[in-house]
Amino acid sequence: MNEQAAKVQIEESWKQVLAEEFQQPYFAAIRAFLVQEKESGKTIYPPGPLIFSAFNKTPFDALKVVILGQDPYHNPGEAMGLCFSVPHGVRVPPSLVNIYKELKTDLGLEIPKHGDLSKWAEQGVLLLNAILTVEARKPASHQKNGWQTFTDAVIRHISSEKEGVVFLLWGKFAQSKKALIDETKHYVLEAAHPSPLAGDAFQGCRHFSRTNELLEKQGKGGIEWQV
């Protein structure tokens, strides 16, 4: 394994929950594919140490909420391993602009000037892309390379081993994952995707206040959504 792949680490509670997945042939194939891509000179986002950022910032034991994205950002400096999130200093992407607009409408929060959602992740919001890597400037280029087998397994483990998690499924792709979730144990909130391509359909979903109501009803404590 090359140096890039060797740097990839995952937080200890997730390492235990997903131990069987890491031993599966499909996961070995993902690892081999990424090594091959790097060795052929291709640029992959996010950088190796950030591929599992969603897991590293939100330990399994602390998880309260899942927001499901599809694919990492494919432009330089944007992907940071958290769906919808970009580092400080990077232009806030259009979908996140619409998320911020809904936060202002729903909770009266000030619209941030940055797109770093790490604060959510550190409070128990798993910001999970279904596909964890992408080739530079080629959206969805890794969608058939095994990542969805892995992240579908992640969702199943959350569903079976936790209770009362709030899943926010935005858009048809995320909603296609609903079959993996036991709705007798968990809460599923659905809305249009926040992308401008969906017009204003995401606006008014009130998912942030509704999530906090569901968490507080369970005595878990709500999320401070201001970033």
Protein backbone atom coordinates (compact mmCIF):
# COMPACT_ATOMS: atom_id res chain seq x y z
CA MET A 1 0.00 0.00 0.00
CA ASN A 2 1.36 3.44 -0.85
CA GLU A 3 1.91 6.25 1.66
CA GLN A 4 -1.38 7.97 0.78
CA ALA A 5 -3.44 4.87 1.49
CA ALA A 6 -1.41 4.05 4.60
CA LYS A 7 -2.44 7.36 6.17
CA VAL A 8 -6.14 6.47 6.00
CA GLN A 9 -7.37 5.85 9.55
CA ILE A 10 -10.83 5.44 11.03
CA GLU A 11 -12.00 6.22 14.57
CA GLU A 12 -11.89 3.31 17.03
CA SER A 13 -15.62 2.82 17.70
CA TRP A 14 -16.31 2.72 13.96
CA LYS A 15 -13.36 0.37 13.45
CA GLN A 16 -15.08 -2.09 15.78
CA VAL A 17 -18.58 -1.68 14.31
CA LEU A 18 -17.31 -2.05 10.73
CA ALA A 19 -14.60 -4.64 11.36
CA GLU A 20 -16.31 -7.26 9.18
CA GLU A 21 -16.71 -4.80 6.30
CA PHE A 22 -13.00 -4.04 6.23
CA GLN A 23 -12.32 -7.77 5.76
CA GLN A 24 -14.65 -8.14 2.78
CA PRO A 25 -13.31 -8.64 -0.76
CA TYR A 26 -15.18 -5.56 -2.00
CA PHE A 27 -13.28 -3.36 0.47
CA ALA A 28 -9.94 -4.80 -0.61
CA ALA A 29 -11.01 -3.94 -4.17
CA ILE A 30 -11.76 -0.33 -3.18
CA ARG A 31 -8.34 -0.04 -1.57
CA ALA A 32 -6.59 -1.54 -4.60
CA PHE A 33 -8.50 0.74 -6.96
CA LEU A 34 -7.48 3.87 -5.04
CA VAL A 35 -3.85 2.82 -4.92
CA GLN A 36 -3.90 2.16 -8.67
CA GLU A 37 -5.51 5.54 -9.39
CA LYS A 38 -2.88 7.36 -7.34
CA GLU A 39 -0.02 5.41 -8.89
CA SER A 40 -1.30 6.28 -12.36
CA GLY A 41 -0.97 9.96 -11.48
CA LYS A 42 -4.64 10.80 -11.01
CA THR A 43 -5.69 13.31 -8.36
CA ILE A 44 -8.27 11.94 -5.93
CA TYR A 45 -10.44 14.00 -3.57
CA PRO A 46 -10.59 14.23 -0.65
CA PRO A 47 -6.93 13.64 0.28
CA GLY A 48 -6.28 10.21 1.84
CA PRO A 49 -6.25 11.35 5.49
CA LEU A 50 -9.69 12.99 5.01
CA ILE A 51 -11.53 10.12 3.31
CA PHE A 52 -13.02 8.96 6.64
CA SER A 53 -13.46 12.42 8.21
CA ALA A 54 -17.19 11.90 8.70
CA PHE A 55 -16.45 8.88 10.89
CA ASN A 56 -13.49 10.44 12.68
CA LYS A 57 -15.41 13.57 13.67
CA THR A 58 -18.58 11.67 14.66
CA PRO A 59 -17.81 8.52 16.68
CA PHE A 60 -20.42 5.78 16.45
CA ASP A 61 -21.21 6.12 20.15
CA ALA A 62 -21.95 9.85 19.79
CA LEU A 63 -24.04 9.67 16.62
CA LYS A 64 -27.49 11.30 16.78
CA VAL A 65 -28.26 12.44 13.23
CA VAL A 66 -27.34 11.27 9.71
CA ILE A 67 -27.29 13.63 6.72
CA LEU A 68 -26.70 11.68 3.54
CA GLY A 69 -24.95 13.17 0.52
CA GLN A 70 -23.96 11.53 -2.74
CA ASP A 71 -20.48 12.39 -4.00
CA PRO A 72 -17.51 14.48 -2.78
CA TYR A 73 -16.84 17.86 -4.36
CA HIS A 74 -14.50 17.39 -7.32
CA ASN A 75 -12.79 20.80 -7.53
CA PRO A 76 -9.43 21.53 -5.85
CA GLY A 77 -9.56 22.35 -2.14
CA GLU A 78 -13.27 21.69 -1.67
CA ALA A 79 -13.74 18.08 -0.49
CA MET A 80 -13.05 17.55 3.21
CA GLY A 81 -14.76 14.21 3.85
CA LEU A 82 -18.01 15.71 5.16
CA CYS A 83 -21.01 15.91 2.85
CA PHE A 84 -22.08 19.45 1.86
CA SER A 85 -19.09 20.92 3.78
CA VAL A 86 -16.09 22.86 2.45
CA PRO A 87 -13.09 24.25 4.35
CA HIS A 88 -12.83 27.86 5.53
CA GLY A 89 -11.73 30.13 2.71
CA VAL A 90 -13.53 28.13 0.01
CA ARG A 91 -16.63 29.60 -1.68
CA VAL A 92 -19.82 28.26 -0.09
CA PRO A 93 -21.40 25.86 -2.62
CA PRO A 94 -24.92 26.60 -3.91
CA SER A 95 -26.59 23.68 -2.11
CA LEU A 96 -25.09 24.78 1.20
CA VAL A 97 -26.23 28.36 0.54
CA ASN A 98 -29.78 26.98 0.36
CA ILE A 99 -29.26 24.94 3.53
CA TYR A 100 -28.17 28.12 5.29
CA LYS A 101 -31.26 29.96 3.98
CA GLU A 102 -33.48 27.27 5.46
CA LEU A 103 -31.63 27.48 8.77
CA LYS A 104 -32.34 31.21 8.87
CA THR A 105 -36.01 30.68 8.05
CA ASP A 106 -36.42 27.72 10.40
CA LEU A 107 -34.36 28.82 13.40
CA GLY A 108 -33.50 32.47 12.74
CA LEU A 109 -29.79 31.70 12.50
CA GLU A 110 -27.28 34.06 10.99
CA ILE A 111 -26.06 32.95 7.55
CA PRO A 112 -22.36 32.00 7.89
CA LYS A 113 -19.65 33.35 5.62
CA HIS A 114 -17.91 29.94 5.46
CA GLY A 115 -18.97 26.39 4.60
CA ASP A 116 -17.21 24.31 7.26
CA LEU A 117 -19.77 22.05 8.96
CA SER A 118 -17.29 20.41 11.35
CA LYS A 119 -19.21 21.84 14.31
CA TRP A 120 -22.24 19.74 13.32
CA ALA A 121 -20.10 16.61 12.99
CA GLU A 122 -18.56 17.16 16.41
CA GLN A 123 -22.06 17.22 17.95
CA GLY A 124 -23.10 13.85 16.53
CA VAL A 125 -24.25 14.68 12.99
CA LEU A 126 -22.78 12.09 10.61
CA LEU A 127 -22.20 13.95 7.32
CA LEU A 128 -21.97 10.87 5.13
CA ASN A 129 -21.44 10.81 1.39
CA ALA A 130 -22.58 7.55 -0.21
CA ILE A 131 -19.43 7.65 -2.35
CA LEU A 132 -16.31 8.63 -0.41
CA THR A 133 -13.86 9.56 -3.19
CA VAL A 134 -13.86 11.16 -6.62
CA GLU A 135 -11.35 11.88 -9.37
CA ALA A 136 -10.52 15.57 -9.73
CA ARG A 137 -13.01 17.42 -11.93
CA LYS A 138 -14.93 14.24 -12.76
CA PRO A 139 -18.15 14.12 -10.70
CA ALA A 140 -19.46 10.66 -9.80
CA SER A 141 -16.35 9.07 -11.31
CA HIS A 142 -16.05 6.59 -8.41
CA GLN A 143 -19.72 5.73 -8.06
CA LYS A 144 -19.31 2.14 -9.30
CA ASN A 145 -16.18 1.22 -7.37
CA GLY A 146 -17.67 -0.33 -4.25
CA TRP A 147 -18.15 2.65 -1.98
CA GLN A 148 -21.94 2.34 -1.95
CA THR A 149 -21.64 -1.26 -0.77
CA PHE A 150 -19.62 0.06 2.15
CA THR A 151 -21.82 3.06 3.00
CA ASP A 152 -25.01 1.01 2.64
CA ALA A 153 -23.48 -1.32 5.24
CA VAL A 154 -22.75 1.71 7.44
CA ILE A 155 -26.41 2.73 7.29
CA ARG A 156 -27.52 -0.82 8.10
CA HIS A 157 -25.19 -0.97 11.12
CA ILE A 158 -26.54 2.35 12.41
CA SER A 159 -30.09 1.13 11.89
CA SER A 160 -29.58 -2.19 13.67
CA GLU A 161 -27.25 -1.14 16.48
CA LYS A 162 -28.60 2.27 17.51
CA GLU A 163 -32.02 3.70 18.35
CA GLY A 164 -33.72 7.03 17.76
CA VAL A 165 -31.33 8.34 15.12
CA VAL A 166 -32.75 11.09 12.90
CA PHE A 167 -32.01 10.48 9.21
CA LEU A 168 -32.28 13.51 6.91
CA LEU A 169 -32.80 12.33 3.34
CA TRP A 170 -32.65 15.17 0.83
CA GLY A 171 -33.44 14.37 -2.79
CA LYS A 172 -34.27 11.14 -4.60
CA PHE A 173 -30.81 9.61 -4.29
CA ALA A 174 -30.74 9.93 -0.49
CA GLN A 175 -34.35 8.80 -0.25
CA SER A 176 -33.45 5.61 -2.13
CA LYS A 177 -31.53 4.59 1.01
CA LYS A 178 -34.67 4.61 3.16
CA ALA A 179 -35.09 0.86 2.63
CA LEU A 180 -31.92 0.33 4.70
CA ILE A 181 -33.41 2.03 7.78
CA ASP A 182 -35.71 0.43 10.37
CA GLU A 183 -38.37 3.11 10.72
CA THR A 184 -39.81 1.42 13.80
CA LYS A 185 -36.59 2.41 15.66
CA HIS A 186 -35.52 5.59 13.91
CA TYR A 187 -36.89 8.84 12.45
CA VAL A 188 -36.71 9.58 8.72
CA LEU A 189 -37.29 13.13 7.47
CA GLU A 190 -37.46 13.62 3.70
CA ALA A 191 -37.22 16.75 1.58
CA ALA A 192 -36.19 17.89 -1.87
CA HIS A 193 -32.47 18.26 -2.47
CA PRO A 194 -31.14 21.72 -1.49
CA SER A 195 -29.55 22.11 -4.92
CA PRO A 196 -30.73 25.17 -6.89
CA LEU A 197 -31.69 22.66 -9.61
CA ALA A 198 -34.67 21.79 -7.37
CA GLY A 199 -35.75 25.41 -7.25
CA ASP A 200 -37.03 26.40 -3.82
CA ALA A 201 -38.46 22.95 -3.04
CA PHE A 202 -36.09 22.44 -0.08
CA GLN A 203 -37.18 25.66 1.58
CA GLY A 204 -39.74 25.28 4.33
CA CYS A 205 -38.86 21.68 5.27
CA ARG A 206 -37.98 22.79 8.81
CA HIS A 207 -35.78 19.74 9.24
CA PHE A 208 -33.46 21.45 11.70
CA SER A 209 -36.09 22.40 14.25
CA ARG A 210 -37.88 19.08 13.74
CA THR A 211 -34.63 17.18 14.31
CA ASN A 212 -34.05 18.98 17.59
CA GLU A 213 -37.62 18.30 18.71
CA LEU A 214 -37.12 14.58 18.03
CA LEU A 215 -33.77 14.50 19.85
CA GLU A 216 -35.06 16.46 22.84
CA LYS A 217 -38.09 14.19 23.08
CA GLN A 218 -35.62 11.34 23.64
CA GLY A 219 -33.58 13.32 26.17
CA LYS A 220 -30.58 13.42 23.84
CA GLY A 221 -30.21 17.18 23.55
CA GLY A 222 -30.57 19.09 20.31
CA ILE A 223 -27.91 20.20 17.84
CA GLU A 224 -26.52 23.76 17.89
CA TRP A 225 -26.89 24.36 14.15
CA GLN A 226 -25.08 27.71 14.03
CA VAL A 227 -21.61 27.17 12.56
